[in-house]
Amino acid sequence: MLKHFAELLKFKLSVTVVFSATVGYLLGFDNFDVYQFLCLIFGGFLVTGSANAFNQIIEVEKDKLMQRTLVRPLPKGNLSVLQATIFALFTFLLGLLILNEINPQGTFYGIMSKSSFFGLISIFLYVLSYTPLKRVSTISIFVGAIPGAIPFLLGYVAATDDFGLAAGILFAIQFFWQFPHFIAIAWVQHNDYKKAGFKMLFGGEKSKYPAFIAVLTSIIMTLVSVLPYYYVNELNLSFFAFLLILILGIWFTLKSIKLYKRLDDITARNLMVSSFIYLPIMQIIYVMDRFLS
């Protein structure tokens, strides 16, 4: 039974999201606070996991139609919708309470900390906007990119208790990264998504249109990722880090350009894998540059 609840949380995905949040914290802190750092990790993991659980509850009937999702605990009948809902609510509330321990003095209207607020916004956008919009329009990708980009920002805000230009830059990098990432996944899983009635590929077919969006957003992401070298003193990239991040961004952009030229599943899969490689390496370069330069 515990195994099935863990599957609801999508452990690997949740860990990836928390990694972005911890990087954001490491880029922002002046005085490292172990307690607040642990609150960020556990609170962030629970809020992300609850969003994944709510997503599966809402899409249980759709998940039965797709090969990739048939093995999830709800379609297989390993858990009931009621059990999953109680678990998702519990993890959601516990996660918010833990995030609320981070800089509780800097609250929104005396209600919750900034970290808890961004966690709340993230889950609302993901569950109440992105999830239902997937069946309506590809605008869901734009909407889904917002909660997907919040963890990087949330970590920085948790460390600084401030939402400024540096936090916005970190948000923008991860926001634009998600378009080629989503497009590659939607391309590879197009037939499965179509069976379930999900509109996840721009233009509705494997064509130059979604590939062009992947190229455009990859270029914007690359440009935004090197902005701190020129303008954002709080992040303060060294020339060496600037060069590495620029080369990494160009490499990723070339993967998108290759999809635009070839328009095949193999190239889309390569872009998808590249997106998983690009993000953590870029983030690690940022962190290493802060502590080594």
C-alpha atoms as a PDB file:
ATOM      1  CA  MET A   1       0.000   0.000   0.000  1.00  0.00           C
ATOM      2  CA  LEU A   2       2.805   2.459   0.878  1.00  0.00           C
ATOM      3  CA  LYS A   3       4.402   1.734  -2.480  1.00  0.00           C
ATOM      4  CA  HIS A   4       1.230   2.821  -4.280  1.00  0.00           C
ATOM      5  CA  PHE A   5       1.009   6.078  -2.313  1.00  0.00           C
ATOM      6  CA  ALA A   6       4.651   6.741  -3.204  1.00  0.00           C
ATOM      7  CA  GLU A   7       3.783   6.217  -6.883  1.00  0.00           C
ATOM      8  CA  LEU A   8       1.094   8.886  -6.577  1.00  0.00           C
ATOM      9  CA  LEU A   9       3.805  11.379  -5.596  1.00  0.00           C
ATOM     10  CA  LYS A  10       5.870  10.601  -8.743  1.00  0.00           C
ATOM     11  CA  PHE A  11       9.039  10.428  -6.641  1.00  0.00           C
ATOM     12  CA  LYS A  12      11.619  11.017  -9.408  1.00  0.00           C
ATOM     13  CA  LEU A  13       9.760  14.005 -10.843  1.00  0.00           C
ATOM     14  CA  SER A  14       9.239  15.507  -7.382  1.00  0.00           C
ATOM     15  CA  VAL A  15      12.945  15.112  -6.558  1.00  0.00           C
ATOM     16  CA  THR A  16      13.845  16.885  -9.819  1.00  0.00           C
ATOM     17  CA  VAL A  17      11.571  19.786  -8.904  1.00  0.00           C
ATOM     18  CA  VAL A  18      13.028  19.999  -5.396  1.00  0.00           C
ATOM     19  CA  PHE A  19      16.534  20.004  -6.890  1.00  0.00           C
ATOM     20  CA  SER A  20      15.668  23.228  -8.750  1.00  0.00           C
ATOM     21  CA  ALA A  21      14.379  24.761  -5.515  1.00  0.00           C
ATOM     22  CA  THR A  22      17.533  23.834  -3.579  1.00  0.00           C
ATOM     23  CA  VAL A  23      19.712  25.336  -6.324  1.00  0.00           C
ATOM     24  CA  GLY A  24      17.689  28.538  -6.078  1.00  0.00           C
ATOM     25  CA  TYR A  25      18.316  28.584  -2.316  1.00  0.00           C
ATOM     26  CA  LEU A  26      22.051  27.993  -2.726  1.00  0.00           C
ATOM     27  CA  LEU A  27      22.240  30.911  -5.142  1.00  0.00           C
ATOM     28  CA  GLY A  28      20.468  33.283  -2.780  1.00  0.00           C
ATOM     29  CA  PHE A  29      21.478  32.673   0.837  1.00  0.00           C
ATOM     30  CA  ASP A  30      23.803  34.901   2.843  1.00  0.00           C
ATOM     31  CA  ASN A  31      23.661  32.903   6.088  1.00  0.00           C
ATOM     32  CA  PHE A  32      22.873  29.244   5.485  1.00  0.00           C
ATOM     33  CA  ASP A  33      19.949  28.127   7.674  1.00  0.00           C
ATOM     34  CA  VAL A  34      19.808  24.318   7.929  1.00  0.00           C
ATOM     35  CA  TYR A  35      16.265  24.318   9.334  1.00  0.00           C
ATOM     36  CA  GLN A  36      14.857  26.498   6.551  1.00  0.00           C
ATOM     37  CA  PHE A  37      16.781  24.539   3.904  1.00  0.00           C
ATOM     38  CA  LEU A  38      15.264  21.273   5.172  1.00  0.00           C
ATOM     39  CA  CYS A  39      11.817  22.897   5.247  1.00  0.00           C
ATOM     40  CA  LEU A  40      12.310  23.866   1.608  1.00  0.00           C
ATOM     41  CA  ILE A  41      13.266  20.301   0.661  1.00  0.00           C
ATOM     42  CA  PHE A  42      10.503  18.473   2.534  1.00  0.00           C
ATOM     43  CA  GLY A  43       7.801  21.113   2.059  1.00  0.00           C
ATOM     44  CA  GLY A  44       8.626  21.460  -1.628  1.00  0.00           C
ATOM     45  CA  PHE A  45       8.611  17.691  -2.109  1.00  0.00           C
ATOM     46  CA  LEU A  46       5.208  17.275  -0.436  1.00  0.00           C
ATOM     47  CA  VAL A  47       3.563  20.150  -2.324  1.00  0.00           C
ATOM     48  CA  THR A  48       4.945  18.870  -5.648  1.00  0.00           C
ATOM     49  CA  GLY A  49       3.933  15.312  -4.815  1.00  0.00           C
ATOM     50  CA  SER A  50       0.410  16.380  -3.884  1.00  0.00           C
ATOM     51  CA  ALA A  51       0.066  18.224  -7.223  1.00  0.00           C
ATOM     52  CA  ASN A  52       1.101  15.009  -9.009  1.00  0.00           C
ATOM     53  CA  ALA A  53      -1.432  13.037  -6.963  1.00  0.00           C
ATOM     54  CA  PHE A  54      -4.287  15.466  -7.687  1.00  0.00           C
ATOM     55  CA  ASN A  55      -3.352  15.314 -11.377  1.00  0.00           C
ATOM     56  CA  GLN A  56      -3.733  11.529 -11.363  1.00  0.00           C
ATOM     57  CA  ILE A  57      -7.059  11.737  -9.493  1.00  0.00           C
ATOM     58  CA  ILE A  58      -8.510  14.146 -12.063  1.00  0.00           C
ATOM     59  CA  GLU A  59      -7.150  12.171 -15.023  1.00  0.00           C
ATOM     60  CA  VAL A  60      -7.817   8.630 -13.802  1.00  0.00           C
ATOM     61  CA  GLU A  61     -10.170   7.831 -16.693  1.00  0.00           C
ATOM     62  CA  LYS A  62      -7.767   9.336 -19.246  1.00  0.00           C
ATOM     63  CA  ASP A  63      -4.855   7.394 -17.739  1.00  0.00           C
ATOM     64  CA  LYS A  64      -6.720   4.158 -18.496  1.00  0.00           C
ATOM     65  CA  LEU A  65      -6.529   5.006 -22.207  1.00  0.00           C
ATOM     66  CA  MET A  66      -2.762   5.562 -22.445  1.00  0.00           C
ATOM     67  CA  GLN A  67      -0.128   2.830 -22.496  1.00  0.00           C
ATOM     68  CA  ARG A  68       2.320   4.966 -20.508  1.00  0.00           C
ATOM     69  CA  THR A  69      -0.100   5.622 -17.626  1.00  0.00           C
ATOM     70  CA  LEU A  70      -1.983   2.307 -17.400  1.00  0.00           C
ATOM     71  CA  VAL A  71       0.397   1.123 -14.679  1.00  0.00           C
ATOM     72  CA  ARG A  72      -0.386   3.981 -12.289  1.00  0.00           C
ATOM     73  CA  PRO A  73      -2.050   3.004  -8.983  1.00  0.00           C
ATOM     74  CA  LEU A  74      -5.510   4.446  -9.774  1.00  0.00           C
ATOM     75  CA  PRO A  75      -6.024   2.928 -13.249  1.00  0.00           C
ATOM     76  CA  LYS A  76      -4.791  -0.422 -11.904  1.00  0.00           C
ATOM     77  CA  GLY A  77      -7.191  -0.236  -8.956  1.00  0.00           C
ATOM     78  CA  ASN A  78      -4.420  -0.427  -6.358  1.00  0.00           C
ATOM     79  CA  LEU A  79      -5.876   2.655  -4.668  1.00  0.00           C
ATOM     80  CA  SER A  80      -9.373   4.123  -4.645  1.00  0.00           C
ATOM     81  CA  VAL A  81     -10.024   7.735  -5.662  1.00  0.00           C
ATOM     82  CA  LEU A  82     -11.103   8.455  -2.063  1.00  0.00           C
ATOM     83  CA  GLN A  83      -7.843   7.088  -0.636  1.00  0.00           C
ATOM     84  CA  ALA A  84      -5.821   9.080  -3.162  1.00  0.00           C
ATOM     85  CA  THR A  85      -7.778  12.284  -2.464  1.00  0.00           C
ATOM     86  CA  ILE A  86      -7.286  12.042   1.308  1.00  0.00           C
ATOM     87  CA  PHE A  87      -3.586  11.383   0.792  1.00  0.00           C
ATOM     88  CA  ALA A  88      -3.215  14.272  -1.690  1.00  0.00           C
ATOM     89  CA  LEU A  89      -4.997  16.706   0.665  1.00  0.00           C
ATOM     90  CA  PHE A  90      -2.859  15.610   3.609  1.00  0.00           C
ATOM     91  CA  THR A  91       0.441  15.984   1.739  1.00  0.00           C
ATOM     92  CA  PHE A  92      -0.703  19.331   0.288  1.00  0.00           C
ATOM     93  CA  LEU A  93      -1.586  20.842   3.682  1.00  0.00           C
ATOM     94  CA  LEU A  94       1.490  19.400   5.402  1.00  0.00           C
ATOM     95  CA  GLY A  95       3.734  20.682   2.623  1.00  0.00           C
ATOM     96  CA  LEU A  96       2.298  24.205   2.881  1.00  0.00           C
ATOM     97  CA  LEU A  97       2.673  24.196   6.663  1.00  0.00           C
ATOM     98  CA  ILE A  98       6.325  23.194   6.351  1.00  0.00           C
ATOM     99  CA  LEU A  99       7.004  25.846   3.673  1.00  0.00           C
ATOM    100  CA  ASN A 100       5.327  28.373   5.973  1.00  0.00           C
ATOM    101  CA  GLU A 101       8.187  27.866   8.429  1.00  0.00           C
ATOM    102  CA  ILE A 102      10.548  29.593   5.976  1.00  0.00           C
ATOM    103  CA  ASN A 103      10.900  33.288   6.857  1.00  0.00           C
ATOM    104  CA  PRO A 104       7.482  33.396   8.570  1.00  0.00           C
ATOM    105  CA  GLN A 105       8.048  37.055   9.450  1.00  0.00           C
ATOM    106  CA  GLY A 106       7.844  38.024   5.775  1.00  0.00           C
ATOM    107  CA  THR A 107       4.213  37.074   5.216  1.00  0.00           C
ATOM    108  CA  PHE A 108       1.579  38.022   2.666  1.00  0.00           C
ATOM    109  CA  TYR A 109      -1.064  39.966   4.615  1.00  0.00           C
ATOM    110  CA  GLY A 110      -0.037  38.145   7.793  1.00  0.00           C
ATOM    111  CA  ILE A 111      -1.369  34.863   6.403  1.00  0.00           C
ATOM    112  CA  MET A 112       1.538  32.887   4.959  1.00  0.00           C
ATOM    113  CA  SER A 113       5.211  33.159   4.135  1.00  0.00           C
ATOM    114  CA  LYS A 114       6.308  33.976   0.586  1.00  0.00           C
ATOM    115  CA  SER A 115       7.552  30.401   0.149  1.00  0.00           C
ATOM    116  CA  SER A 116       4.195  28.973   1.185  1.00  0.00           C
ATOM    117  CA  PHE A 117       2.410  31.464  -1.075  1.00  0.00           C
ATOM    118  CA  PHE A 118       4.426  30.440  -4.149  1.00  0.00           C
ATOM    119  CA  GLY A 119       3.841  26.775  -3.276  1.00  0.00           C
ATOM    120  CA  LEU A 120       0.092  27.449  -3.128  1.00  0.00           C
ATOM    121  CA  ILE A 121       0.079  29.344  -6.440  1.00  0.00           C
ATOM    122  CA  SER A 122       2.092  26.551  -8.046  1.00  0.00           C
ATOM    123  CA  ILE A 123      -0.317  23.770  -7.078  1.00  0.00           C
ATOM    124  CA  PHE A 124      -3.418  25.818  -7.957  1.00  0.00           C
ATOM    125  CA  LEU A 125      -2.102  26.612 -11.430  1.00  0.00           C
ATOM    126  CA  TYR A 126      -0.991  23.027 -12.017  1.00  0.00           C
ATOM    127  CA  VAL A 127      -4.113  21.267 -10.735  1.00  0.00           C
ATOM    128  CA  LEU A 128      -6.898  23.758 -11.491  1.00  0.00           C
ATOM    129  CA  SER A 129      -5.580  25.283 -14.729  1.00  0.00           C
ATOM    130  CA  TYR A 130      -2.944  23.165 -16.479  1.00  0.00           C
ATOM    131  CA  THR A 131      -4.593  19.774 -15.872  1.00  0.00           C
ATOM    132  CA  PRO A 132      -8.089  20.615 -17.219  1.00  0.00           C
ATOM    133  CA  LEU A 133      -6.698  22.808 -20.040  1.00  0.00           C
ATOM    134  CA  LYS A 134      -4.780  19.836 -21.484  1.00  0.00           C
ATOM    135  CA  ARG A 135      -8.092  18.591 -22.882  1.00  0.00           C
ATOM    136  CA  VAL A 136      -9.026  21.991 -24.328  1.00  0.00           C
ATOM    137  CA  SER A 137      -6.040  23.726 -25.889  1.00  0.00           C
ATOM    138  CA  THR A 138      -2.253  23.838 -26.159  1.00  0.00           C
ATOM    139  CA  ILE A 139      -2.435  27.032 -24.074  1.00  0.00           C
ATOM    140  CA  SER A 140      -2.059  24.475 -21.259  1.00  0.00           C
ATOM    141  CA  ILE A 141       1.669  24.289 -22.090  1.00  0.00           C
ATOM    142  CA  PHE A 142       2.056  28.019 -21.428  1.00  0.00           C
ATOM    143  CA  VAL A 143       0.030  27.758 -18.205  1.00  0.00           C
ATOM    144  CA  GLY A 144       1.890  24.614 -17.088  1.00  0.00           C
ATOM    145  CA  ALA A 145       5.240  26.295 -17.640  1.00  0.00           C
ATOM    146  CA  ILE A 146       4.435  28.789 -14.851  1.00  0.00           C
ATOM    147  CA  PRO A 147       4.168  26.310 -11.930  1.00  0.00           C
ATOM    148  CA  GLY A 148       6.964  24.337 -13.574  1.00  0.00           C
ATOM    149  CA  ALA A 149       9.253  27.363 -13.301  1.00  0.00           C
ATOM    150  CA  ILE A 150       8.263  28.401  -9.774  1.00  0.00           C
ATOM    151  CA  PRO A 151      10.588  25.962  -7.872  1.00  0.00           C
ATOM    152  CA  PHE A 152      13.786  27.718  -9.068  1.00  0.00           C
ATOM    153  CA  LEU A 153      12.267  31.050  -8.030  1.00  0.00           C
ATOM    154  CA  LEU A 154      10.841  29.646  -4.776  1.00  0.00           C
ATOM    155  CA  GLY A 155      14.260  28.461  -3.607  1.00  0.00           C
ATOM    156  CA  TYR A 156      15.800  31.883  -4.207  1.00  0.00           C
ATOM    157  CA  VAL A 157      12.916  33.644  -2.442  1.00  0.00           C
ATOM    158  CA  ALA A 158      13.203  31.186   0.475  1.00  0.00           C
ATOM    159  CA  ALA A 159      16.849  32.213   0.876  1.00  0.00           C
ATOM    160  CA  THR A 160      16.413  35.971   0.410  1.00  0.00           C
ATOM    161  CA  ASP A 161      12.774  36.575   1.411  1.00  0.00           C
ATOM    162  CA  ASP A 162      12.700  38.870  -1.592  1.00  0.00           C
ATOM    163  CA  PHE A 163      11.258  38.673  -5.095  1.00  0.00           C
ATOM    164  CA  GLY A 164      13.412  40.814  -7.357  1.00  0.00           C
ATOM    165  CA  LEU A 165      15.186  40.758 -10.716  1.00  0.00           C
ATOM    166  CA  ALA A 166      17.439  37.808  -9.821  1.00  0.00           C
ATOM    167  CA  ALA A 167      14.455  35.646  -8.837  1.00  0.00           C
ATOM    168  CA  GLY A 168      12.690  36.698 -12.024  1.00  0.00           C
ATOM    169  CA  ILE A 169      15.693  35.683 -14.146  1.00  0.00           C
ATOM    170  CA  LEU A 170      15.800  32.226 -12.552  1.00  0.00           C
ATOM    171  CA  PHE A 171      12.058  31.861 -13.144  1.00  0.00           C
ATOM    172  CA  ALA A 172      12.401  32.930 -16.794  1.00  0.00           C
ATOM    173  CA  ILE A 173      15.192  30.439 -17.551  1.00  0.00           C
ATOM    174  CA  GLN A 174      13.123  27.481 -16.350  1.00  0.00           C
ATOM    175  CA  PHE A 175       9.927  28.904 -17.899  1.00  0.00           C
ATOM    176  CA  PHE A 176      11.357  29.051 -21.440  1.00  0.00           C
ATOM    177  CA  TRP A 177      13.202  25.725 -20.994  1.00  0.00           C
ATOM    178  CA  GLN A 178       9.862  23.991 -20.573  1.00  0.00           C
ATOM    179  CA  PHE A 179       8.631  24.735 -24.092  1.00  0.00           C
ATOM    180  CA  PRO A 180      11.194  22.611 -25.966  1.00  0.00           C
ATOM    181  CA  HIS A 181      10.973  20.100 -23.101  1.00  0.00           C
ATOM    182  CA  PHE A 182       7.158  19.835 -23.339  1.00  0.00           C
ATOM    183  CA  ILE A 183       7.192  19.870 -27.152  1.00  0.00           C
ATOM    184  CA  ALA A 184       9.670  16.981 -27.283  1.00  0.00           C
ATOM    185  CA  ILE A 185       7.583  14.913 -24.839  1.00  0.00           C
ATOM    186  CA  ALA A 186       4.323  15.745 -26.648  1.00  0.00           C
ATOM    187  CA  TRP A 187       5.949  14.793 -29.962  1.00  0.00           C
ATOM    188  CA  VAL A 188       7.145  11.404 -28.705  1.00  0.00           C
ATOM    189  CA  GLN A 189       3.868  10.675 -26.865  1.00  0.00           C
ATOM    190  CA  HIS A 190       1.595  12.212 -29.530  1.00  0.00           C
ATOM    191  CA  ASN A 191      -0.407   9.055 -30.327  1.00  0.00           C
ATOM    192  CA  ASP A 192      -0.965   8.252 -26.651  1.00  0.00           C
ATOM    193  CA  TYR A 193      -2.060  11.812 -25.868  1.00  0.00           C
ATOM    194  CA  LYS A 194      -4.388  11.788 -28.885  1.00  0.00           C
ATOM    195  CA  LYS A 195      -6.088   8.607 -27.634  1.00  0.00           C
ATOM    196  CA  ALA A 196      -6.822  10.305 -24.312  1.00  0.00           C
ATOM    197  CA  GLY A 197      -8.016  13.530 -25.966  1.00  0.00           C
ATOM    198  CA  PHE A 198      -5.105  15.661 -24.728  1.00  0.00           C
ATOM    199  CA  LYS A 199      -4.098  18.589 -26.941  1.00  0.00           C
ATOM    200  CA  MET A 200      -0.411  18.771 -26.103  1.00  0.00           C
ATOM    201  CA  LEU A 201       1.317  19.469 -29.425  1.00  0.00           C
ATOM    202  CA  PHE A 202       1.183  22.968 -30.894  1.00  0.00           C
ATOM    203  CA  GLY A 203      -0.731  22.852 -34.179  1.00  0.00           C
ATOM    204  CA  GLY A 204      -2.036  19.380 -33.369  1.00  0.00           C
ATOM    205  CA  GLU A 205       0.503  17.546 -35.519  1.00  0.00           C
ATOM    206  CA  LYS A 206       4.197  16.801 -35.871  1.00  0.00           C
ATOM    207  CA  SER A 207       5.212  19.713 -38.049  1.00  0.00           C
ATOM    208  CA  LYS A 208       7.550  22.673 -38.332  1.00  0.00           C
ATOM    209  CA  TYR A 209       5.203  24.804 -36.204  1.00  0.00           C
ATOM    210  CA  PRO A 210       5.880  23.152 -32.791  1.00  0.00           C
ATOM    211  CA  ALA A 211       9.524  22.642 -33.797  1.00  0.00           C
ATOM    212  CA  PHE A 212       9.850  26.367 -34.545  1.00  0.00           C
ATOM    213  CA  ILE A 213       8.446  27.218 -31.093  1.00  0.00           C
ATOM    214  CA  ALA A 214      11.053  24.867 -29.584  1.00  0.00           C
ATOM    215  CA  VAL A 215      13.824  26.680 -31.470  1.00  0.00           C
ATOM    216  CA  LEU A 216      12.548  30.161 -30.560  1.00  0.00           C
ATOM    217  CA  THR A 217      12.136  29.423 -26.848  1.00  0.00           C
ATOM    218  CA  SER A 218      15.516  27.661 -26.706  1.00  0.00           C
ATOM    219  CA  ILE A 219      17.148  30.823 -28.063  1.00  0.00           C
ATOM    220  CA  ILE A 220      15.290  33.048 -25.570  1.00  0.00           C
ATOM    221  CA  MET A 221      16.205  30.667 -22.719  1.00  0.00           C
ATOM    222  CA  THR A 222      19.876  30.801 -23.715  1.00  0.00           C
ATOM    223  CA  LEU A 223      19.895  34.608 -23.842  1.00  0.00           C
ATOM    224  CA  VAL A 224      18.127  34.922 -20.478  1.00  0.00           C
ATOM    225  CA  SER A 225      20.483  32.386 -18.864  1.00  0.00           C
ATOM    226  CA  VAL A 226      23.538  34.585 -19.546  1.00  0.00           C
ATOM    227  CA  LEU A 227      21.900  37.901 -18.572  1.00  0.00           C
ATOM    228  CA  PRO A 228      23.321  37.763 -15.009  1.00  0.00           C
ATOM    229  CA  TYR A 229      26.812  38.218 -16.460  1.00  0.00           C
ATOM    230  CA  TYR A 230      25.748  41.657 -17.701  1.00  0.00           C
ATOM    231  CA  TYR A 231      22.972  42.952 -15.476  1.00  0.00           C
ATOM    232  CA  VAL A 232      22.121  41.004 -12.297  1.00  0.00           C
ATOM    233  CA  ASN A 233      24.643  41.729  -9.546  1.00  0.00           C
ATOM    234  CA  GLU A 234      23.015  39.320  -7.075  1.00  0.00           C
ATOM    235  CA  LEU A 235      23.823  36.307  -9.286  1.00  0.00           C
ATOM    236  CA  ASN A 236      27.109  37.745 -10.571  1.00  0.00           C
ATOM    237  CA  LEU A 237      28.231  35.201 -13.204  1.00  0.00           C
ATOM    238  CA  SER A 238      31.955  34.992 -13.925  1.00  0.00           C
ATOM    239  CA  PHE A 239      33.148  35.063 -17.535  1.00  0.00           C
ATOM    240  CA  PHE A 240      34.044  31.353 -17.394  1.00  0.00           C
ATOM    241  CA  ALA A 241      30.543  30.408 -16.147  1.00  0.00           C
ATOM    242  CA  PHE A 242      29.001  32.735 -18.746  1.00  0.00           C
ATOM    243  CA  LEU A 243      30.937  30.888 -21.459  1.00  0.00           C
ATOM    244  CA  LEU A 244      29.943  27.431 -20.192  1.00  0.00           C
ATOM    245  CA  ILE A 245      26.266  28.346 -19.903  1.00  0.00           C
ATOM    246  CA  LEU A 246      26.292  29.980 -23.333  1.00  0.00           C
ATOM    247  CA  ILE A 247      27.869  26.882 -24.934  1.00  0.00           C
ATOM    248  CA  LEU A 248      25.382  24.642 -23.116  1.00  0.00           C
ATOM    249  CA  GLY A 249      22.478  26.778 -24.330  1.00  0.00           C
ATOM    250  CA  ILE A 250      23.758  26.748 -27.914  1.00  0.00           C
ATOM    251  CA  TRP A 251      24.111  22.946 -27.733  1.00  0.00           C
ATOM    252  CA  PHE A 252      20.511  22.648 -26.535  1.00  0.00           C
ATOM    253  CA  THR A 253      19.275  25.104 -29.175  1.00  0.00           C
ATOM    254  CA  LEU A 254      20.995  23.059 -31.892  1.00  0.00           C
ATOM    255  CA  LYS A 255      18.984  20.035 -30.718  1.00  0.00           C
ATOM    256  CA  SER A 256      15.800  22.049 -31.276  1.00  0.00           C
ATOM    257  CA  ILE A 257      17.023  23.207 -34.690  1.00  0.00           C
ATOM    258  CA  LYS A 258      17.700  19.581 -35.611  1.00  0.00           C
ATOM    259  CA  LEU A 259      14.076  18.731 -34.781  1.00  0.00           C
ATOM    260  CA  TYR A 260      12.938  21.622 -37.001  1.00  0.00           C
ATOM    261  CA  LYS A 261      14.990  20.201 -39.876  1.00  0.00           C
ATOM    262  CA  ARG A 262      14.231  16.498 -39.473  1.00  0.00           C
ATOM    263  CA  LEU A 263      10.741  16.403 -37.910  1.00  0.00           C
ATOM    264  CA  ASP A 264      11.117  12.801 -36.707  1.00  0.00           C
ATOM    265  CA  ASP A 265      10.535  10.920 -33.464  1.00  0.00           C
ATOM    266  CA  ILE A 266      14.189   9.999 -32.921  1.00  0.00           C
ATOM    267  CA  THR A 267      15.262  13.656 -33.013  1.00  0.00           C
ATOM    268  CA  ALA A 268      12.361  14.606 -30.719  1.00  0.00           C
ATOM    269  CA  ARG A 269      13.456  11.927 -28.251  1.00  0.00           C
ATOM    270  CA  ASN A 270      17.018  13.264 -28.387  1.00  0.00           C
ATOM    271  CA  LEU A 271      15.704  16.757 -27.635  1.00  0.00           C
ATOM    272  CA  MET A 272      13.722  15.373 -24.696  1.00  0.00           C
ATOM    273  CA  VAL A 273      16.810  13.640 -23.265  1.00  0.00           C
ATOM    274  CA  SER A 274      18.875  16.794 -23.871  1.00  0.00           C
ATOM    275  CA  SER A 275      16.353  18.855 -21.903  1.00  0.00           C
ATOM    276  CA  PHE A 276      16.867  16.563 -18.902  1.00  0.00           C
ATOM    277  CA  ILE A 277      20.631  17.009 -19.240  1.00  0.00           C
ATOM    278  CA  TYR A 278      20.644  20.768 -19.837  1.00  0.00           C
ATOM    279  CA  LEU A 279      18.688  21.969 -16.803  1.00  0.00           C
ATOM    280  CA  PRO A 280      20.641  20.375 -13.918  1.00  0.00           C
ATOM    281  CA  ILE A 281      24.027  21.053 -15.560  1.00  0.00           C
ATOM    282  CA  MET A 282      23.137  24.712 -16.090  1.00  0.00           C
ATOM    283  CA  GLN A 283      21.999  24.979 -12.461  1.00  0.00           C
ATOM    284  CA  ILE A 284      25.127  23.250 -11.145  1.00  0.00           C
ATOM    285  CA  ILE A 285      27.306  25.681 -13.127  1.00  0.00           C
ATOM    286  CA  TYR A 286      25.478  28.588 -11.491  1.00  0.00           C
ATOM    287  CA  VAL A 287      26.046  27.145  -8.010  1.00  0.00           C
ATOM    288  CA  MET A 288      29.681  26.162  -8.562  1.00  0.00           C
ATOM    289  CA  ASP A 289      30.417  29.593  -9.994  1.00  0.00           C
ATOM    290  CA  ARG A 290      29.054  31.252  -6.879  1.00  0.00           C
ATOM    291  CA  PHE A 291      31.264  29.245  -4.515  1.00  0.00           C
ATOM    292  CA  LEU A 292      34.401  28.869  -6.615  1.00  0.00           C
ATOM    293  CA  SER A 293      34.761  32.237  -8.302  1.00  0.00           C
END
